[in-house]
Protein backbone atom coordinates (compact mmCIF):
# COMPACT_ATOMS: atom_id res chain seq x y z
CA MET A 1 20.44 1.10 0.77
CA PHE A 2 23.44 0.16 -1.19
CA ALA A 3 25.21 1.43 -4.20
CA ASP A 4 28.55 0.68 -5.67
CA LEU A 5 29.62 4.27 -6.70
CA GLY A 6 32.64 3.00 -8.74
CA LYS A 7 30.54 0.63 -10.94
CA VAL A 8 27.70 3.37 -11.24
CA GLN A 9 30.45 5.87 -12.60
CA GLU A 10 31.39 3.16 -15.03
CA GLU A 11 27.67 2.73 -15.92
CA PHE A 12 27.62 6.77 -16.48
CA GLU A 13 30.91 6.85 -18.53
CA ARG A 14 29.46 4.11 -21.00
CA TYR A 15 26.30 6.08 -21.50
CA ALA A 16 27.79 9.27 -21.65
CA ARG A 17 30.40 8.27 -24.26
CA SER A 18 27.59 7.07 -26.39
CA PHE A 19 26.82 10.71 -27.28
CA ASP A 20 29.29 13.04 -28.96
CA LEU A 21 31.56 14.47 -26.34
CA SER A 22 33.54 16.57 -28.78
CA ASP A 23 30.46 18.72 -29.16
CA PRO A 24 30.94 21.54 -26.53
CA MET A 25 27.52 21.70 -25.65
CA ILE A 26 27.51 17.76 -24.77
CA GLN A 27 30.77 18.20 -23.09
CA MET A 28 29.42 20.92 -20.78
CA LYS A 29 26.88 18.62 -19.49
CA TYR A 30 29.23 15.94 -18.99
CA SER A 31 31.30 18.09 -16.87
CA HIS A 32 28.48 19.49 -14.89
CA SER A 33 27.50 15.98 -14.00
CA TYR A 34 30.81 15.53 -12.50
CA ASP A 35 30.90 18.93 -10.99
CA VAL A 36 27.41 18.15 -9.31
CA MET A 37 28.78 14.67 -8.05
CA CYS A 38 31.76 16.48 -6.27
CA LEU A 39 29.29 18.99 -4.67
CA GLY A 40 27.15 16.06 -3.58
CA GLU A 41 30.27 14.50 -1.91
CA LYS A 42 31.00 17.77 -0.17
CA LEU A 43 27.70 18.39 1.04
CA THR A 44 27.05 14.72 2.20
CA ASP A 45 30.20 15.14 4.11
CA ASP A 46 29.03 18.24 5.90
CA LEU A 47 25.73 16.76 6.64
CA GLU A 48 27.44 13.76 8.09
CA TRP A 49 25.45 11.02 6.17
CA GLY A 50 26.46 7.51 6.58
CA ALA A 51 28.68 5.85 4.12
CA ASN A 52 25.91 3.77 2.33
CA ALA A 53 23.53 6.96 2.07
CA LYS A 54 26.55 9.13 0.86
CA LYS A 55 27.22 6.59 -2.05
CA VAL A 56 23.73 6.65 -2.78
CA GLY A 57 23.28 10.58 -3.13
CA VAL A 58 26.71 10.97 -4.97
CA ALA A 59 25.44 8.40 -7.40
CA ALA A 60 22.00 10.40 -7.83
CA CYS A 61 24.11 13.65 -8.35
CA LEU A 62 26.27 11.90 -10.94
CA LEU A 63 23.24 10.76 -13.01
CA HIS A 64 20.77 13.57 -12.37
CA ASP A 65 21.48 14.96 -15.83
CA ALA A 66 21.23 11.73 -17.57
CA GLY A 67 18.22 13.09 -19.76
CA ARG A 68 20.26 16.09 -21.14
CA PHE A 69 22.36 14.16 -23.42
CA SER A 70 19.56 12.88 -25.55
CA GLN A 71 17.64 16.11 -25.33
CA TYR A 72 20.36 17.83 -27.00
CA ARG A 73 20.94 15.32 -29.49
CA ASP A 74 17.38 15.16 -30.28
CA PHE A 75 16.36 18.64 -30.29
CA GLY A 76 19.55 20.72 -30.44
CA THR A 77 18.64 22.62 -27.20
CA TYR A 78 18.49 22.45 -23.67
CA TYR A 79 15.34 24.55 -22.99
CA ASP A 80 12.55 22.14 -21.82
CA GLY A 81 9.81 24.33 -23.10
CA VAL A 82 10.32 23.59 -26.58
CA SER A 83 11.70 19.93 -26.22
CA VAL A 84 11.27 17.66 -23.62
CA ASP A 85 11.50 17.62 -19.51
CA HIS A 86 14.83 16.66 -18.92
CA GLY A 87 14.34 15.24 -15.63
CA ASP A 88 11.43 12.98 -17.11
CA ARG A 89 13.80 11.83 -19.95
CA GLY A 90 16.69 11.13 -17.43
CA TYR A 91 14.21 9.01 -15.58
CA GLU A 92 13.14 7.28 -18.64
CA ALA A 93 16.75 6.67 -19.98
CA LEU A 94 17.83 5.13 -16.65
CA LEU A 95 14.76 3.10 -16.05
CA SER A 96 15.27 1.55 -19.67
CA GLU A 97 18.79 0.43 -18.37
CA SER A 98 17.44 -0.80 -14.83
CA ASP A 99 19.08 -4.44 -15.62
CA ARG A 100 22.58 -2.63 -15.59
CA TYR A 101 22.10 -1.03 -12.35
CA ALA A 102 20.52 -3.84 -10.68
CA ALA A 103 23.98 -5.20 -10.07
CA VAL A 104 25.43 -2.33 -8.55
CA THR A 105 22.47 -0.93 -6.53
CA ASP A 106 19.94 -2.41 -4.39
CA ASP A 107 16.06 -1.80 -5.12
CA LYS A 108 15.73 0.89 -2.46
CA ALA A 109 18.81 2.91 -3.68
CA TRP A 110 17.88 2.69 -7.42
CA GLU A 111 14.29 4.08 -6.66
CA ALA A 112 15.82 6.85 -4.58
CA ILE A 113 17.99 7.65 -7.64
CA LEU A 114 15.34 7.34 -10.25
CA GLN A 115 12.98 9.82 -8.10
CA ALA A 116 16.17 12.25 -7.49
CA VAL A 117 16.62 12.44 -11.31
CA LYS A 118 13.23 12.76 -12.33
CA LEU A 119 12.30 15.37 -9.50
CA HIS A 120 15.81 17.51 -9.68
CA ASN A 121 14.32 20.01 -12.19
CA LYS A 122 10.85 20.31 -11.02
CA LYS A 123 9.72 23.83 -9.70
CA SER A 124 8.80 22.09 -6.32
CA LEU A 125 8.97 18.65 -4.64
CA PRO A 126 5.95 16.72 -4.28
CA GLU A 127 5.11 14.87 -0.96
CA LEU A 128 7.89 12.21 -0.69
CA SER A 129 8.56 9.46 1.72
CA GLU A 130 11.28 10.18 4.40
CA GLU A 131 13.38 7.61 2.85
CA ILE A 132 13.75 9.08 -0.60
CA ALA A 133 13.20 12.94 0.33
CA PRO A 134 16.88 13.60 1.29
CA PHE A 135 18.21 12.44 -1.82
CA CYS A 136 15.83 14.26 -3.80
CA ARG A 137 16.69 17.42 -1.93
CA LEU A 138 20.49 16.65 -1.96
CA VAL A 139 20.58 16.69 -5.87
CA ARG A 140 18.62 19.75 -6.15
CA ASP A 141 20.84 21.71 -3.98
CA ALA A 142 24.04 20.44 -5.86
CA ASP A 143 22.62 21.10 -9.07
CA LYS A 144 21.63 24.63 -8.33
CA LEU A 145 24.98 25.23 -6.58
CA ASP A 146 26.99 24.18 -9.73
CA VAL A 147 24.66 26.21 -12.16
CA PHE A 148 25.17 29.24 -9.83
CA ASN A 149 29.04 28.78 -10.32
CA LEU A 150 28.74 28.00 -14.07
CA VAL A 151 26.63 31.04 -14.94
CA GLN A 152 29.00 33.41 -13.03
CA ARG A 153 31.93 31.75 -14.63
CA ARG A 154 30.57 32.20 -18.03
CA MET A 155 29.62 35.77 -17.31
CA ASP A 156 33.24 36.33 -16.40
CA GLU A 157 34.62 34.81 -19.70
CA GLY A 158 32.08 36.60 -21.67
CA THR A 159 30.52 33.53 -22.96
CA VAL A 160 27.33 33.47 -21.11
CA GLY A 161 25.33 34.09 -24.32
CA GLU A 162 26.56 30.84 -25.60
CA LEU A 163 25.12 29.19 -22.20
CA LEU A 164 21.87 30.88 -22.35
CA PRO A 165 21.12 31.46 -26.20
CA ARG A 166 17.27 32.22 -25.47
CA HIS A 167 18.30 35.31 -23.07
CA LYS A 168 19.26 38.50 -24.53
CA ILE A 169 22.17 39.82 -22.62
CA ASP A 170 21.49 43.58 -22.55
CA ALA A 171 17.73 43.47 -22.31
CA PRO A 172 16.02 44.67 -19.50
CA LEU A 173 13.88 42.69 -16.86
CA SER A 174 10.38 41.60 -18.31
CA GLU A 175 7.23 42.88 -16.66
CA PRO A 176 5.38 39.56 -16.49
CA LEU A 177 8.48 38.04 -14.70
CA LEU A 178 8.87 40.95 -12.25
CA SER A 179 5.10 40.75 -11.22
CA GLU A 180 5.42 37.00 -10.87
CA VAL A 181 8.23 37.30 -8.39
CA GLU A 182 6.59 40.02 -6.68
CA LYS A 183 3.57 37.97 -6.07
CA ASN A 184 4.91 34.47 -5.83
CA TRP A 185 8.57 34.74 -5.02
CA SER A 186 9.45 32.43 -7.66
CA GLY A 187 9.67 32.63 -11.35
CA SER A 188 8.87 31.02 -14.51
CA TYR A 189 11.22 30.45 -17.41
CA LYS A 190 8.29 31.17 -19.99
CA HIS A 191 8.55 34.73 -18.71
CA ALA A 192 12.45 35.04 -18.83
CA SER A 193 13.62 36.46 -22.02
CA SER A 194 17.10 38.29 -20.80
CA LEU A 195 20.08 37.51 -18.67
CA LEU A 196 18.45 39.71 -15.89
CA ASP A 197 15.41 37.75 -15.91
CA PHE A 198 17.67 34.55 -15.57
CA LEU A 199 19.68 36.03 -12.82
CA LEU A 200 16.26 37.01 -10.85
CA ILE A 201 14.92 33.53 -11.18
CA GLN A 202 18.34 32.42 -9.86
CA LEU A 203 17.87 34.44 -6.87
CA THR A 204 14.61 33.05 -6.25
CA TRP A 205 16.20 29.64 -6.33
CA VAL A 206 17.85 30.12 -2.93
CA LEU A 207 14.43 29.82 -1.29
CA ASP A 208 14.21 26.40 -2.44
CA MET A 209 17.47 25.08 -1.29
CA ASN A 210 17.22 22.75 1.46
CA PHE A 211 20.46 22.31 3.56
CA ALA A 212 22.14 24.65 5.83
CA PRO A 213 25.63 23.58 4.26
CA SER A 214 24.41 24.51 0.63
CA LEU A 215 23.37 27.84 1.77
CA ARG A 216 26.73 28.21 3.48
CA LEU A 217 28.49 27.21 0.43
CA LEU A 218 26.51 29.81 -1.60
CA GLU A 219 26.92 32.52 0.89
CA GLU A 220 30.75 31.72 0.97
CA SER A 221 30.89 32.16 -2.91
CA GLY A 222 29.67 35.87 -3.05
CA ILE A 223 27.51 34.98 -5.81
CA ILE A 224 24.32 36.38 -4.22
CA SER A 225 25.95 39.75 -4.04
CA ARG A 226 27.22 39.47 -7.48
CA ILE A 227 24.20 38.86 -8.99
CA CYS A 228 22.44 41.58 -7.16
CA GLY A 229 24.92 43.94 -8.46
CA HIS A 230 23.93 43.46 -11.93
CA PHE A 231 20.28 45.03 -11.46
CA PRO A 232 19.65 48.84 -12.05
CA LYS A 233 20.27 50.60 -8.89
CA SER A 234 18.06 53.59 -10.18
CA ASP A 235 14.99 51.51 -10.64
CA ARG A 236 13.26 51.77 -7.09
CA ARG A 237 10.94 48.84 -7.74
CA VAL A 238 13.50 46.47 -8.76
CA GLN A 239 15.59 47.59 -5.51
CA SER A 240 12.55 47.16 -3.45
CA LEU A 241 11.88 43.77 -4.78
CA LEU A 242 15.51 42.67 -4.37
CA GLY A 243 15.46 44.01 -0.76
CA ASN A 244 12.46 41.99 0.08
CA LEU A 245 13.98 38.92 -1.57
CA LEU A 246 17.14 39.10 0.34
CA ASP A 247 15.25 39.47 3.49
CA ARG A 248 13.33 36.47 2.70
CA ILE A 249 16.77 34.57 1.85
CA GLU A 250 18.22 35.51 5.11
CA ALA A 251 14.96 34.30 7.04
CA HIS A 252 15.36 30.88 5.09
CA LYS A 253 19.07 30.77 5.79
CA GLN A 254 18.24 30.96 9.48
CA GLY A 255 15.53 28.32 9.26
CA ALA A 256 17.74 26.09 7.68
CA ARG A 257 20.46 26.60 10.48
CA MET A 258 18.19 26.06 12.93
CA GLY A 259 16.84 22.69 11.23
CA ALA A 260 20.43 21.53 10.48
């Protein structure tokens, strides 16, 4: 596989700047793209990927949210449930520009990038070839890590309501979401209406993270503990759920370390 990372970045800049980057919501996704790219660089270093694989993976991280730009322009929201699946839209947007990327990636690299973009936001990954799967897993991990950081930063700044306009800041956990997580250890956005709902869903993301370095970075950030601190300590049901979820997270970390 081959990708000219510098040229891929030039194409991303051309594409992103065709949208209104003066809009704070568009600018947020532009910045997020580069933050995920930087995390991709960090993770591929820690994973000791070869030079070519690293360039392909980092390129996929940069391009992963290509669909967000036109999603917000066309629908005024980043909520896929009332607009479009942004992974699918990113795939379609990049596929329409395949001729431009043909000169800067080979066919195998481009297919890996396209699939990583398409699948990065899906609830789970389908069965994938050994050639493509690592890139999809990389983008999913890097994206989650940056969203964890972004949400906590916005909470510290008092601007999380701008980031999550559908989620009521002071509302309690929803019963449907609690029941879903208790049953499946994952949560659906259709059941989320409060900030606590979103934070609970974020905790379940940890069980879907793939690489030991990703989990280590998250652990070092202290974000899991910070998230848990927002839930009502007097609610036995919630605290029991958190305890069970944290046990599962710890077991997942151990499994990832053994498989690294």
